[in-house]
C-alpha cells in the first residue's frame, strides 16, 4: 500500500509541473508556443486526466490515509501540512478533474486561438492544481 500512497503525491504535482513547463516554454519561445495550441491543450488535459486516474486508483483501492508532507518533501520540514486521502476527497478530485478537462476541451473548440490562448491553458492548469492541493489539505470527510 505504500506505493499507492507515494504516487498520490503526484495528484496535484502533475498539473502544476505541466503548467510550469508550458510557461517556461512560452517565456522562452513566445511566438512558436503561441502557435502550438493543440499540443498545449492536449498536455494540460492529459495532466488533469492523469491526476484523475491516480485519484480513481486510490479510490478503488479504498486508500484512506493521512500523508505528512514533511516526510516526503524537505521543503515542508517545519510545517505540519497533511494530505488527507479519503474517499470523499478522491471523489471530489475525480469530479473536478473531469469537469476541468471538459472546460479545457470546450475552450479549445469555442474560443479563438489567438495570442492569449496558451496563457489561458497555463492559468487553467495552475488553478486546477491549486484547487486539487486545497482539496487534499482539507479533510472533507470530517465535514460530512
C-alpha atoms as a PDB file:
ATOM      1  CA  UNK A   1       0.000   0.000   0.000  1.00  0.00           C
ATOM      2  CA  UNK A   2       2.974   2.325   0.405  1.00  0.00           C
ATOM      3  CA  UNK A   3       3.491   2.643  -3.356  1.00  0.00           C
ATOM      4  CA  UNK A   4      -0.026   3.949  -3.864  1.00  0.00           C
ATOM      5  CA  UNK A   5       0.465   6.494  -1.109  1.00  0.00           C
ATOM      6  CA  UNK A   6       3.727   7.662  -2.669  1.00  0.00           C
ATOM      7  CA  UNK A   7       2.085   8.071  -6.071  1.00  0.00           C
ATOM      8  CA  UNK A   8      -0.801  10.017  -4.589  1.00  0.00           C
ATOM      9  CA  UNK A   9       1.602  12.893  -4.018  1.00  0.00           C
ATOM     10  CA  UNK A  10       1.657  13.203  -7.803  1.00  0.00           C
ATOM     11  CA  UNK A  11      -2.066  14.063  -7.970  1.00  0.00           C
ATOM     12  CA  UNK A  12      -1.585  17.834  -7.528  1.00  0.00           C
ATOM     13  CA  UNK A  13       2.002  17.905  -8.810  1.00  0.00           C
ATOM     14  CA  UNK A  14       1.341  16.644 -12.353  1.00  0.00           C
ATOM     15  CA  UNK A  15      -0.858  19.599 -13.448  1.00  0.00           C
ATOM     16  CA  UNK A  16       1.413  22.032 -11.615  1.00  0.00           C
ATOM     17  CA  UNK A  17       4.605  20.794 -13.270  1.00  0.00           C
ATOM     18  CA  UNK A  18       2.914  20.652 -16.676  1.00  0.00           C
ATOM     19  CA  UNK A  19       1.649  24.233 -16.413  1.00  0.00           C
ATOM     20  CA  UNK A  20       5.035  25.487 -15.224  1.00  0.00           C
ATOM     21  CA  UNK A  21       6.778  23.602 -18.055  1.00  0.00           C
ATOM     22  CA  UNK A  22       4.497  25.183 -20.656  1.00  0.00           C
ATOM     23  CA  UNK A  23       5.018  28.585 -19.029  1.00  0.00           C
ATOM     24  CA  UNK A  24       8.798  28.237 -19.314  1.00  0.00           C
ATOM     25  CA  UNK A  25       8.398  27.247 -22.959  1.00  0.00           C
ATOM     26  CA  UNK A  26       6.105  30.221 -23.551  1.00  0.00           C
ATOM     27  CA  UNK A  27       8.584  32.594 -21.951  1.00  0.00           C
ATOM     28  CA  UNK A  28      11.449  31.148 -23.985  1.00  0.00           C
ATOM     29  CA  UNK A  29       9.764  30.663 -27.349  1.00  0.00           C
ATOM     30  CA  UNK A  30       6.826  33.049 -27.300  1.00  0.00           C
ATOM     31  CA  UNK A  31       5.906  33.086 -30.993  1.00  0.00           C
ATOM     32  CA  UNK A  32       6.375  29.351 -31.547  1.00  0.00           C
ATOM     33  CA  UNK A  33       4.473  28.182 -28.460  1.00  0.00           C
ATOM     34  CA  UNK A  34       1.567  30.526 -29.202  1.00  0.00           C
ATOM     35  CA  UNK A  35       1.127  28.672 -32.487  1.00  0.00           C
ATOM     36  CA  UNK A  36       1.145  25.238 -30.808  1.00  0.00           C
ATOM     37  CA  UNK A  37      -2.333  25.402 -29.309  1.00  0.00           C
ATOM     38  CA  UNK A  38      -3.286  21.759 -29.894  1.00  0.00           C
ATOM     39  CA  UNK A  39      -0.266  20.216 -28.118  1.00  0.00           C
ATOM     40  CA  UNK A  40      -0.568  22.685 -25.234  1.00  0.00           C
ATOM     41  CA  UNK A  41      -4.260  21.851 -24.819  1.00  0.00           C
ATOM     42  CA  UNK A  42      -3.512  18.142 -25.000  1.00  0.00           C
ATOM     43  CA  UNK A  43      -0.736  18.387 -22.391  1.00  0.00           C
ATOM     44  CA  UNK A  44      -2.883  20.261 -19.885  1.00  0.00           C
ATOM     45  CA  UNK A  45      -5.874  17.959 -20.450  1.00  0.00           C
ATOM     46  CA  UNK A  46      -3.718  14.826 -20.151  1.00  0.00           C
ATOM     47  CA  UNK A  47      -2.151  16.084 -16.933  1.00  0.00           C
ATOM     48  CA  UNK A  48      -5.604  16.557 -15.406  1.00  0.00           C
ATOM     49  CA  UNK A  49      -6.748  13.171 -16.667  1.00  0.00           C
ATOM     50  CA  UNK A  50      -3.670  11.511 -15.190  1.00  0.00           C
ATOM     51  CA  UNK A  51      -4.428  13.145 -11.836  1.00  0.00           C
ATOM     52  CA  UNK A  52      -7.991  11.840 -12.081  1.00  0.00           C
ATOM     53  CA  UNK A  53      -6.652   8.380 -12.956  1.00  0.00           C
ATOM     54  CA  UNK A  54      -4.319   8.256  -9.951  1.00  0.00           C
ATOM     55  CA  UNK A  55      -7.100   9.500  -7.706  1.00  0.00           C
ATOM     56  CA  UNK A  56      -9.534   6.916  -9.081  1.00  0.00           C
ATOM     57  CA  UNK A  57      -6.998   4.137  -8.485  1.00  0.00           C
ATOM     58  CA  UNK A  58      -6.700   5.339  -4.894  1.00  0.00           C
ATOM     59  CA  UNK A  59     -10.493   5.448  -4.664  1.00  0.00           C
ATOM     60  CA  UNK A  60     -10.999   1.917  -5.963  1.00  0.00           C
ATOM     61  CA  UNK A  61      -8.234   0.588  -3.692  1.00  0.00           C
ATOM     62  CA  UNK A  62     -10.095   2.328  -0.847  1.00  0.00           C
ATOM     63  CA  UNK A  63      -6.983   4.017   0.440  1.00  0.00           C
ATOM     64  CA  UNK A  64      -7.712   6.223   3.420  1.00  0.00           C
ATOM     65  CA  UNK A  65      -4.520   7.642   4.847  1.00  0.00           C
ATOM     66  CA  UNK A  66      -3.049  10.884   6.027  1.00  0.00           C
ATOM     67  CA  UNK A  67       0.260  11.870   4.473  1.00  0.00           C
ATOM     68  CA  UNK A  68       2.522  14.202   6.375  1.00  0.00           C
ATOM     69  CA  UNK A  69       4.313  16.162   3.669  1.00  0.00           C
ATOM     70  CA  UNK A  70       7.438  16.723   5.753  1.00  0.00           C
ATOM     71  CA  UNK A  71       8.302  13.033   5.337  1.00  0.00           C
ATOM     72  CA  UNK A  72       8.368  13.299   1.543  1.00  0.00           C
ATOM     73  CA  UNK A  73       9.324  16.871   0.713  1.00  0.00           C
ATOM     74  CA  UNK A  74      12.184  18.517   2.552  1.00  0.00           C
ATOM     75  CA  UNK A  75      10.758  21.966   1.771  1.00  0.00           C
ATOM     76  CA  UNK A  76       7.901  21.344   4.218  1.00  0.00           C
ATOM     77  CA  UNK A  77      10.043  20.138   7.140  1.00  0.00           C
ATOM     78  CA  UNK A  78       8.990  22.905   9.527  1.00  0.00           C
ATOM     79  CA  UNK A  79       5.274  22.790   8.708  1.00  0.00           C
ATOM     80  CA  UNK A  80       2.593  20.316   9.635  1.00  0.00           C
ATOM     81  CA  UNK A  81       0.923  20.041   6.248  1.00  0.00           C
ATOM     82  CA  UNK A  82      -1.087  16.844   5.966  1.00  0.00           C
ATOM     83  CA  UNK A  83      -2.667  15.478   2.807  1.00  0.00           C
ATOM     84  CA  UNK A  84      -5.915  13.693   3.574  1.00  0.00           C
ATOM     85  CA  UNK A  85      -6.527  10.722   1.313  1.00  0.00           C
ATOM     86  CA  UNK A  86     -10.066   9.570   1.854  1.00  0.00           C
ATOM     87  CA  UNK A  87     -12.943   8.518  -0.340  1.00  0.00           C
ATOM     88  CA  UNK A  88     -14.706  11.882  -0.219  1.00  0.00           C
ATOM     89  CA  UNK A  89     -11.633  13.870  -1.262  1.00  0.00           C
ATOM     90  CA  UNK A  90     -10.843  11.405  -4.029  1.00  0.00           C
ATOM     91  CA  UNK A  91     -14.388  11.617  -5.434  1.00  0.00           C
ATOM     92  CA  UNK A  92     -14.199  15.400  -5.442  1.00  0.00           C
ATOM     93  CA  UNK A  93     -10.800  15.369  -7.168  1.00  0.00           C
ATOM     94  CA  UNK A  94     -12.025  12.956  -9.835  1.00  0.00           C
ATOM     95  CA  UNK A  95     -15.137  15.042 -10.462  1.00  0.00           C
ATOM     96  CA  UNK A  96     -13.210  18.330 -10.506  1.00  0.00           C
ATOM     97  CA  UNK A  97     -10.525  16.985 -12.844  1.00  0.00           C
ATOM     98  CA  UNK A  98     -13.100  15.700 -15.304  1.00  0.00           C
ATOM     99  CA  UNK A  99     -15.012  18.996 -15.213  1.00  0.00           C
ATOM    100  CA  UNK A 100     -11.818  20.968 -15.823  1.00  0.00           C
ATOM    101  CA  UNK A 101     -10.918  18.654 -18.704  1.00  0.00           C
ATOM    102  CA  UNK A 102     -14.327  19.362 -20.221  1.00  0.00           C
ATOM    103  CA  UNK A 103     -13.777  23.111 -19.741  1.00  0.00           C
ATOM    104  CA  UNK A 104     -10.420  22.831 -21.495  1.00  0.00           C
ATOM    105  CA  UNK A 105     -11.963  20.839 -24.337  1.00  0.00           C
ATOM    106  CA  UNK A 106     -14.829  23.305 -24.763  1.00  0.00           C
ATOM    107  CA  UNK A 107     -12.459  26.246 -24.714  1.00  0.00           C
ATOM    108  CA  UNK A 108     -10.420  24.561 -27.431  1.00  0.00           C
ATOM    109  CA  UNK A 109     -13.450  24.355 -29.702  1.00  0.00           C
ATOM    110  CA  UNK A 110     -15.230  27.593 -28.766  1.00  0.00           C
ATOM    111  CA  UNK A 111     -12.503  30.165 -28.139  1.00  0.00           C
ATOM    112  CA  UNK A 112     -10.395  31.770 -30.847  1.00  0.00           C
ATOM    113  CA  UNK A 113      -6.830  30.586 -30.565  1.00  0.00           C
ATOM    114  CA  UNK A 114      -5.094  33.909 -30.585  1.00  0.00           C
ATOM    115  CA  UNK A 115      -2.224  35.260 -28.543  1.00  0.00           C
ATOM    116  CA  UNK A 116      -3.636  34.700 -25.046  1.00  0.00           C
ATOM    117  CA  UNK A 117      -4.891  31.132 -25.566  1.00  0.00           C
ATOM    118  CA  UNK A 118      -1.731  29.385 -24.327  1.00  0.00           C
ATOM    119  CA  UNK A 119      -1.644  31.649 -21.287  1.00  0.00           C
ATOM    120  CA  UNK A 120      -5.274  30.681 -20.607  1.00  0.00           C
ATOM    121  CA  UNK A 121      -4.323  26.991 -20.684  1.00  0.00           C
ATOM    122  CA  UNK A 122      -1.430  27.664 -18.313  1.00  0.00           C
ATOM    123  CA  UNK A 123      -3.812  29.511 -15.995  1.00  0.00           C
ATOM    124  CA  UNK A 124      -6.344  26.678 -16.076  1.00  0.00           C
ATOM    125  CA  UNK A 125      -3.600  24.184 -15.223  1.00  0.00           C
ATOM    126  CA  UNK A 126      -2.340  26.285 -12.304  1.00  0.00           C
ATOM    127  CA  UNK A 127      -5.863  26.911 -10.994  1.00  0.00           C
ATOM    128  CA  UNK A 128      -6.686  23.214 -11.225  1.00  0.00           C
ATOM    129  CA  UNK A 129      -3.527  22.267  -9.376  1.00  0.00           C
ATOM    130  CA  UNK A 130      -4.169  24.787  -6.605  1.00  0.00           C
ATOM    131  CA  UNK A 131      -7.763  23.588  -6.171  1.00  0.00           C
ATOM    132  CA  UNK A 132      -6.611  19.959  -6.019  1.00  0.00           C
ATOM    133  CA  UNK A 133      -3.982  20.869  -3.421  1.00  0.00           C
ATOM    134  CA  UNK A 134      -6.580  22.678  -1.334  1.00  0.00           C
ATOM    135  CA  UNK A 135      -8.957  19.706  -1.569  1.00  0.00           C
ATOM    136  CA  UNK A 136      -6.224  17.375  -0.360  1.00  0.00           C
ATOM    137  CA  UNK A 137      -5.194  19.635   2.511  1.00  0.00           C
ATOM    138  CA  UNK A 138      -8.743  19.931   3.871  1.00  0.00           C
ATOM    139  CA  UNK A 139     -10.305  16.874   5.478  1.00  0.00           C
ATOM    140  CA  UNK A 140     -13.705  16.993   3.796  1.00  0.00           C
ATOM    141  CA  UNK A 141     -14.860  13.690   5.285  1.00  0.00           C
ATOM    142  CA  UNK A 142     -14.920  15.333   8.718  1.00  0.00           C
ATOM    143  CA  UNK A 143     -17.304  17.981   7.415  1.00  0.00           C
ATOM    144  CA  UNK A 144     -19.834  15.469   6.122  1.00  0.00           C
END
